[in-house]
Amino acid sequence: MSPQAPSPWFGRSPPRGHSLLEVLFVLALMGVMLALAAPNWAGMQQRWAVRDLANRYLAAMHAARLLAIRSGQTTTVCPSSDGQHCTASGLEQGWIVLQGPAATLVQDEPPSAVAGISTHYGHRTLPMAFAPNGLVDGAGLRQINLCVRGQAKASIGLVINQTGRTRWGPAQGCP
């Protein structure tokens, strides 16, 4: 057997824990990683917000179409900045659902809480009126573009055909 090498600690256990230099190095490394991840996180939040806005609007349109068919009265979905009347605002300001010739308010959707989203209308403008047979009043396709400022890839286009069917498409006309 060979003799054991003497311990530099002279019988004491080695110190436990980390030095100040090690802790500072790890904190600096974590700061750099967080700085790199922060812009992606903000972009992801805006992509989620525009998808949420689009999904809520599509749900309102589907409900309005179903209401028109069930009630036998024209039902209209239109942007509204005041929650009472159709206005020329964008969907990010909110929208309302009106039913029948008296334009009875059925639903009021509040504005989006996320900044940086704007609406640009494509082929046809709003309001979107559903006849009692479920078809969209007026002819042709309509396109609504939900644009995210500075992020073209996060922008969404909603295409609505005359039968009231919707599909996602690329956004067009976003600044």
C-alpha atoms as a PDB file:
ATOM      1  CA  MET A   1       0.000   0.000   0.000  1.00  0.00           C
ATOM      2  CA  SER A   2       1.129   3.422  -0.802  1.00  0.00           C
ATOM      3  CA  PRO A   3       0.913   6.146   1.778  1.00  0.00           C
ATOM      4  CA  GLN A   4      -1.847   8.756   1.345  1.00  0.00           C
ATOM      5  CA  ALA A   5      -0.857  12.192   0.176  1.00  0.00           C
ATOM      6  CA  PRO A   6      -1.180  14.802   2.887  1.00  0.00           C
ATOM      7  CA  SER A   7      -4.363  16.872   2.704  1.00  0.00           C
ATOM      8  CA  PRO A   8      -3.897  20.582   2.031  1.00  0.00           C
ATOM      9  CA  TRP A   9      -6.572  21.173   4.666  1.00  0.00           C
ATOM     10  CA  PHE A  10      -4.579  19.475   7.409  1.00  0.00           C
ATOM     11  CA  GLY A  11      -7.335  17.228   8.683  1.00  0.00           C
ATOM     12  CA  ARG A  12     -10.117  19.769   8.243  1.00  0.00           C
ATOM     13  CA  SER A  13     -12.894  19.309   5.710  1.00  0.00           C
ATOM     14  CA  PRO A  14     -12.664  21.495   2.612  1.00  0.00           C
ATOM     15  CA  PRO A  15     -14.724  24.722   2.652  1.00  0.00           C
ATOM     16  CA  ARG A  16     -18.301  24.443   1.375  1.00  0.00           C
ATOM     17  CA  GLY A  17     -20.186  27.016  -0.705  1.00  0.00           C
ATOM     18  CA  HIS A  18     -19.205  29.294  -3.566  1.00  0.00           C
ATOM     19  CA  SER A  19     -16.885  32.226  -3.788  1.00  0.00           C
ATOM     20  CA  LEU A  20     -18.135  35.717  -4.548  1.00  0.00           C
ATOM     21  CA  LEU A  21     -16.468  35.564  -7.966  1.00  0.00           C
ATOM     22  CA  GLU A  22     -18.367  32.374  -8.884  1.00  0.00           C
ATOM     23  CA  VAL A  23     -21.688  33.861  -7.810  1.00  0.00           C
ATOM     24  CA  LEU A  24     -21.081  37.067  -9.797  1.00  0.00           C
ATOM     25  CA  PHE A  25     -20.127  35.064 -12.888  1.00  0.00           C
ATOM     26  CA  VAL A  26     -23.346  33.014 -12.735  1.00  0.00           C
ATOM     27  CA  LEU A  27     -25.462  36.146 -12.201  1.00  0.00           C
ATOM     28  CA  ALA A  28     -23.817  37.869 -15.174  1.00  0.00           C
ATOM     29  CA  LEU A  29     -24.412  34.812 -17.352  1.00  0.00           C
ATOM     30  CA  MET A  30     -28.066  34.669 -16.293  1.00  0.00           C
ATOM     31  CA  GLY A  31     -28.453  38.391 -17.079  1.00  0.00           C
ATOM     32  CA  VAL A  32     -27.115  37.920 -20.597  1.00  0.00           C
ATOM     33  CA  MET A  33     -29.439  34.973 -21.205  1.00  0.00           C
ATOM     34  CA  LEU A  34     -32.444  36.930 -19.893  1.00  0.00           C
ATOM     35  CA  ALA A  35     -31.587  39.928 -22.094  1.00  0.00           C
ATOM     36  CA  LEU A  36     -31.545  37.663 -25.130  1.00  0.00           C
ATOM     37  CA  ALA A  37     -34.889  36.035 -24.248  1.00  0.00           C
ATOM     38  CA  ALA A  38     -36.857  39.211 -23.390  1.00  0.00           C
ATOM     39  CA  PRO A  39     -37.579  40.390 -26.972  1.00  0.00           C
ATOM     40  CA  ASN A  40     -38.819  36.914 -27.931  1.00  0.00           C
ATOM     41  CA  TRP A  41     -41.141  36.865 -24.934  1.00  0.00           C
ATOM     42  CA  ALA A  42     -42.696  40.230 -25.859  1.00  0.00           C
ATOM     43  CA  GLY A  43     -43.191  39.103 -29.452  1.00  0.00           C
ATOM     44  CA  MET A  44     -44.788  35.882 -28.308  1.00  0.00           C
ATOM     45  CA  GLN A  45     -47.225  37.791 -26.095  1.00  0.00           C
ATOM     46  CA  GLN A  46     -48.291  39.960 -29.036  1.00  0.00           C
ATOM     47  CA  ARG A  47     -48.747  36.889 -31.272  1.00  0.00           C
ATOM     48  CA  TRP A  48     -50.957  35.337 -28.568  1.00  0.00           C
ATOM     49  CA  ALA A  49     -52.928  38.571 -28.240  1.00  0.00           C
ATOM     50  CA  VAL A  50     -53.636  38.879 -31.967  1.00  0.00           C
ATOM     51  CA  ARG A  51     -54.671  35.194 -32.135  1.00  0.00           C
ATOM     52  CA  ASP A  52     -56.950  35.709 -29.143  1.00  0.00           C
ATOM     53  CA  LEU A  53     -58.543  38.763 -30.773  1.00  0.00           C
ATOM     54  CA  ALA A  54     -59.054  36.855 -34.040  1.00  0.00           C
ATOM     55  CA  ASN A  55     -60.550  33.841 -32.254  1.00  0.00           C
ATOM     56  CA  ARG A  56     -62.951  35.992 -30.226  1.00  0.00           C
ATOM     57  CA  TYR A  57     -64.096  37.788 -33.393  1.00  0.00           C
ATOM     58  CA  LEU A  58     -64.574  34.497 -35.253  1.00  0.00           C
ATOM     59  CA  ALA A  59     -66.609  33.138 -32.334  1.00  0.00           C
ATOM     60  CA  ALA A  60     -68.815  36.253 -32.434  1.00  0.00           C
ATOM     61  CA  MET A  61     -69.337  35.827 -36.186  1.00  0.00           C
ATOM     62  CA  HIS A  62     -70.216  32.136 -35.838  1.00  0.00           C
ATOM     63  CA  ALA A  63     -72.650  32.938 -33.022  1.00  0.00           C
ATOM     64  CA  ALA A  64     -74.213  35.765 -35.076  1.00  0.00           C
ATOM     65  CA  ARG A  65     -74.666  33.474 -38.088  1.00  0.00           C
ATOM     66  CA  LEU A  66     -76.284  30.804 -35.925  1.00  0.00           C
ATOM     67  CA  LEU A  67     -78.520  33.416 -34.277  1.00  0.00           C
ATOM     68  CA  ALA A  68     -79.622  34.701 -37.701  1.00  0.00           C
ATOM     69  CA  ILE A  69     -80.565  31.192 -38.823  1.00  0.00           C
ATOM     70  CA  ARG A  70     -82.387  30.306 -35.574  1.00  0.00           C
ATOM     71  CA  SER A  71     -84.274  33.590 -35.199  1.00  0.00           C
ATOM     72  CA  GLY A  72     -85.027  34.202 -38.874  1.00  0.00           C
ATOM     73  CA  GLN A  73     -83.744  37.789 -38.549  1.00  0.00           C
ATOM     74  CA  THR A  74     -80.714  39.509 -39.998  1.00  0.00           C
ATOM     75  CA  THR A  75     -77.867  39.631 -37.481  1.00  0.00           C
ATOM     76  CA  THR A  76     -74.978  42.063 -37.853  1.00  0.00           C
ATOM     77  CA  VAL A  77     -71.451  42.060 -36.430  1.00  0.00           C
ATOM     78  CA  CYS A  78     -69.656  45.394 -36.652  1.00  0.00           C
ATOM     79  CA  PRO A  79     -66.777  47.292 -35.033  1.00  0.00           C
ATOM     80  CA  SER A  80     -67.778  49.644 -32.242  1.00  0.00           C
ATOM     81  CA  SER A  81     -65.650  51.964 -30.155  1.00  0.00           C
ATOM     82  CA  ASP A  82     -68.522  52.908 -27.818  1.00  0.00           C
ATOM     83  CA  GLY A  83     -70.247  49.526 -27.398  1.00  0.00           C
ATOM     84  CA  GLN A  84     -73.585  50.897 -28.638  1.00  0.00           C
ATOM     85  CA  HIS A  85     -73.268  51.870 -32.308  1.00  0.00           C
ATOM     86  CA  CYS A  86     -71.398  50.596 -35.364  1.00  0.00           C
ATOM     87  CA  THR A  87     -68.370  52.794 -36.034  1.00  0.00           C
ATOM     88  CA  ALA A  88     -65.510  52.855 -38.514  1.00  0.00           C
ATOM     89  CA  SER A  89     -63.035  51.763 -35.842  1.00  0.00           C
ATOM     90  CA  GLY A  90     -60.912  48.649 -35.904  1.00  0.00           C
ATOM     91  CA  LEU A  91     -61.653  45.373 -34.157  1.00  0.00           C
ATOM     92  CA  GLU A  92     -59.047  46.194 -31.514  1.00  0.00           C
ATOM     93  CA  GLN A  93     -61.544  48.844 -30.269  1.00  0.00           C
ATOM     94  CA  GLY A  94     -64.221  46.164 -29.762  1.00  0.00           C
ATOM     95  CA  TRP A  95     -67.343  45.135 -31.655  1.00  0.00           C
ATOM     96  CA  ILE A  96     -71.056  44.593 -31.179  1.00  0.00           C
ATOM     97  CA  VAL A  97     -73.646  42.115 -32.449  1.00  0.00           C
ATOM     98  CA  LEU A  98     -77.029  43.547 -33.447  1.00  0.00           C
ATOM     99  CA  GLN A  99     -80.171  41.608 -34.341  1.00  0.00           C
ATOM    100  CA  GLY A 100     -83.270  42.380 -36.367  1.00  0.00           C
ATOM    101  CA  PRO A 101     -84.608  45.520 -38.008  1.00  0.00           C
ATOM    102  CA  ALA A 102     -84.651  47.354 -34.673  1.00  0.00           C
ATOM    103  CA  ALA A 103     -80.893  46.636 -34.263  1.00  0.00           C
ATOM    104  CA  THR A 104     -81.251  45.159 -30.798  1.00  0.00           C
ATOM    105  CA  LEU A 105     -77.884  44.852 -29.055  1.00  0.00           C
ATOM    106  CA  VAL A 106     -77.093  41.170 -28.456  1.00  0.00           C
ATOM    107  CA  GLN A 107     -73.396  41.237 -27.566  1.00  0.00           C
ATOM    108  CA  ASP A 108     -70.816  43.892 -26.726  1.00  0.00           C
ATOM    109  CA  GLU A 109     -67.137  42.937 -26.917  1.00  0.00           C
ATOM    110  CA  PRO A 110     -64.734  45.260 -25.046  1.00  0.00           C
ATOM    111  CA  PRO A 111     -61.540  46.605 -26.594  1.00  0.00           C
ATOM    112  CA  SER A 112     -58.341  44.575 -26.689  1.00  0.00           C
ATOM    113  CA  ALA A 113     -56.013  45.278 -23.774  1.00  0.00           C
ATOM    114  CA  VAL A 114     -52.836  44.809 -25.831  1.00  0.00           C
ATOM    115  CA  ALA A 115     -51.273  47.744 -27.646  1.00  0.00           C
ATOM    116  CA  GLY A 116     -49.719  47.502 -31.084  1.00  0.00           C
ATOM    117  CA  ILE A 117     -52.591  45.696 -32.865  1.00  0.00           C
ATOM    118  CA  SER A 118     -54.456  47.427 -35.674  1.00  0.00           C
ATOM    119  CA  THR A 119     -57.159  46.373 -38.138  1.00  0.00           C
ATOM    120  CA  HIS A 120     -56.943  46.860 -41.883  1.00  0.00           C
ATOM    121  CA  TYR A 121     -59.845  45.874 -44.100  1.00  0.00           C
ATOM    122  CA  GLY A 122     -59.200  44.167 -47.402  1.00  0.00           C
ATOM    123  CA  HIS A 123     -61.655  43.342 -50.175  1.00  0.00           C
ATOM    124  CA  ARG A 124     -64.860  44.527 -48.513  1.00  0.00           C
ATOM    125  CA  THR A 125     -65.556  46.546 -45.428  1.00  0.00           C
ATOM    126  CA  LEU A 126     -67.657  45.818 -42.379  1.00  0.00           C
ATOM    127  CA  PRO A 127     -70.357  45.507 -41.027  1.00  0.00           C
ATOM    128  CA  MET A 128     -70.856  41.795 -41.541  1.00  0.00           C
ATOM    129  CA  ALA A 129     -74.589  41.088 -41.828  1.00  0.00           C
ATOM    130  CA  PHE A 130     -75.903  37.523 -41.821  1.00  0.00           C
ATOM    131  CA  ALA A 131     -79.253  36.921 -43.541  1.00  0.00           C
ATOM    132  CA  PRO A 132     -81.792  34.478 -42.064  1.00  0.00           C
ATOM    133  CA  ASN A 133     -80.485  31.778 -44.431  1.00  0.00           C
ATOM    134  CA  GLY A 134     -76.977  32.155 -42.942  1.00  0.00           C
ATOM    135  CA  LEU A 135     -75.401  33.849 -45.952  1.00  0.00           C
ATOM    136  CA  VAL A 136     -73.432  37.081 -45.712  1.00  0.00           C
ATOM    137  CA  ASP A 137     -75.295  40.039 -47.183  1.00  0.00           C
ATOM    138  CA  GLY A 138     -73.337  41.420 -50.128  1.00  0.00           C
ATOM    139  CA  ALA A 139     -71.214  39.664 -52.680  1.00  0.00           C
ATOM    140  CA  GLY A 140     -67.725  38.261 -52.694  1.00  0.00           C
ATOM    141  CA  LEU A 141     -64.953  37.609 -50.235  1.00  0.00           C
ATOM    142  CA  ARG A 142     -64.148  39.881 -47.351  1.00  0.00           C
ATOM    143  CA  GLN A 143     -60.760  40.081 -45.715  1.00  0.00           C
ATOM    144  CA  ILE A 144     -59.909  41.500 -42.319  1.00  0.00           C
ATOM    145  CA  ASN A 145     -56.242  41.897 -41.450  1.00  0.00           C
ATOM    146  CA  LEU A 146     -55.176  42.026 -37.813  1.00  0.00           C
ATOM    147  CA  CYS A 147     -51.744  43.604 -37.926  1.00  0.00           C
ATOM    148  CA  VAL A 148     -49.083  43.641 -35.240  1.00  0.00           C
ATOM    149  CA  ARG A 149     -46.881  46.718 -35.365  1.00  0.00           C
ATOM    150  CA  GLY A 150     -43.366  45.755 -36.444  1.00  0.00           C
ATOM    151  CA  GLN A 151     -44.094  42.021 -36.668  1.00  0.00           C
ATOM    152  CA  ALA A 152     -45.434  41.029 -40.067  1.00  0.00           C
ATOM    153  CA  LYS A 153     -45.164  37.318 -39.239  1.00  0.00           C
ATOM    154  CA  ALA A 154     -47.471  37.721 -36.234  1.00  0.00           C
ATOM    155  CA  SER A 155     -50.183  39.430 -38.322  1.00  0.00           C
ATOM    156  CA  ILE A 156     -53.260  37.415 -39.302  1.00  0.00           C
ATOM    157  CA  GLY A 157     -55.688  37.653 -42.174  1.00  0.00           C
ATOM    158  CA  LEU A 158     -59.272  36.461 -41.782  1.00  0.00           C
ATOM    159  CA  VAL A 159     -61.044  35.622 -45.030  1.00  0.00           C
ATOM    160  CA  ILE A 160     -64.848  35.383 -44.974  1.00  0.00           C
ATOM    161  CA  ASN A 161     -66.738  34.053 -47.991  1.00  0.00           C
ATOM    162  CA  GLN A 162     -70.369  34.723 -48.886  1.00  0.00           C
ATOM    163  CA  THR A 163     -71.599  31.586 -47.133  1.00  0.00           C
ATOM    164  CA  GLY A 164     -70.143  32.885 -43.846  1.00  0.00           C
ATOM    165  CA  ARG A 165     -67.318  30.366 -43.724  1.00  0.00           C
ATOM    166  CA  THR A 166     -64.029  31.705 -42.462  1.00  0.00           C
ATOM    167  CA  ARG A 167     -60.424  30.723 -42.891  1.00  0.00           C
ATOM    168  CA  TRP A 168     -57.043  32.003 -41.819  1.00  0.00           C
ATOM    169  CA  GLY A 169     -54.853  33.536 -44.462  1.00  0.00           C
ATOM    170  CA  PRO A 170     -51.804  35.721 -44.735  1.00  0.00           C
ATOM    171  CA  ALA A 171     -52.355  39.314 -43.703  1.00  0.00           C
ATOM    172  CA  GLN A 172     -52.284  41.798 -46.539  1.00  0.00           C
ATOM    173  CA  GLY A 173     -51.832  45.532 -46.355  1.00  0.00           C
ATOM    174  CA  CYS A 174     -50.249  45.683 -42.921  1.00  0.00           C
ATOM    175  CA  PRO A 175     -47.924  48.663 -42.452  1.00  0.00           C
END
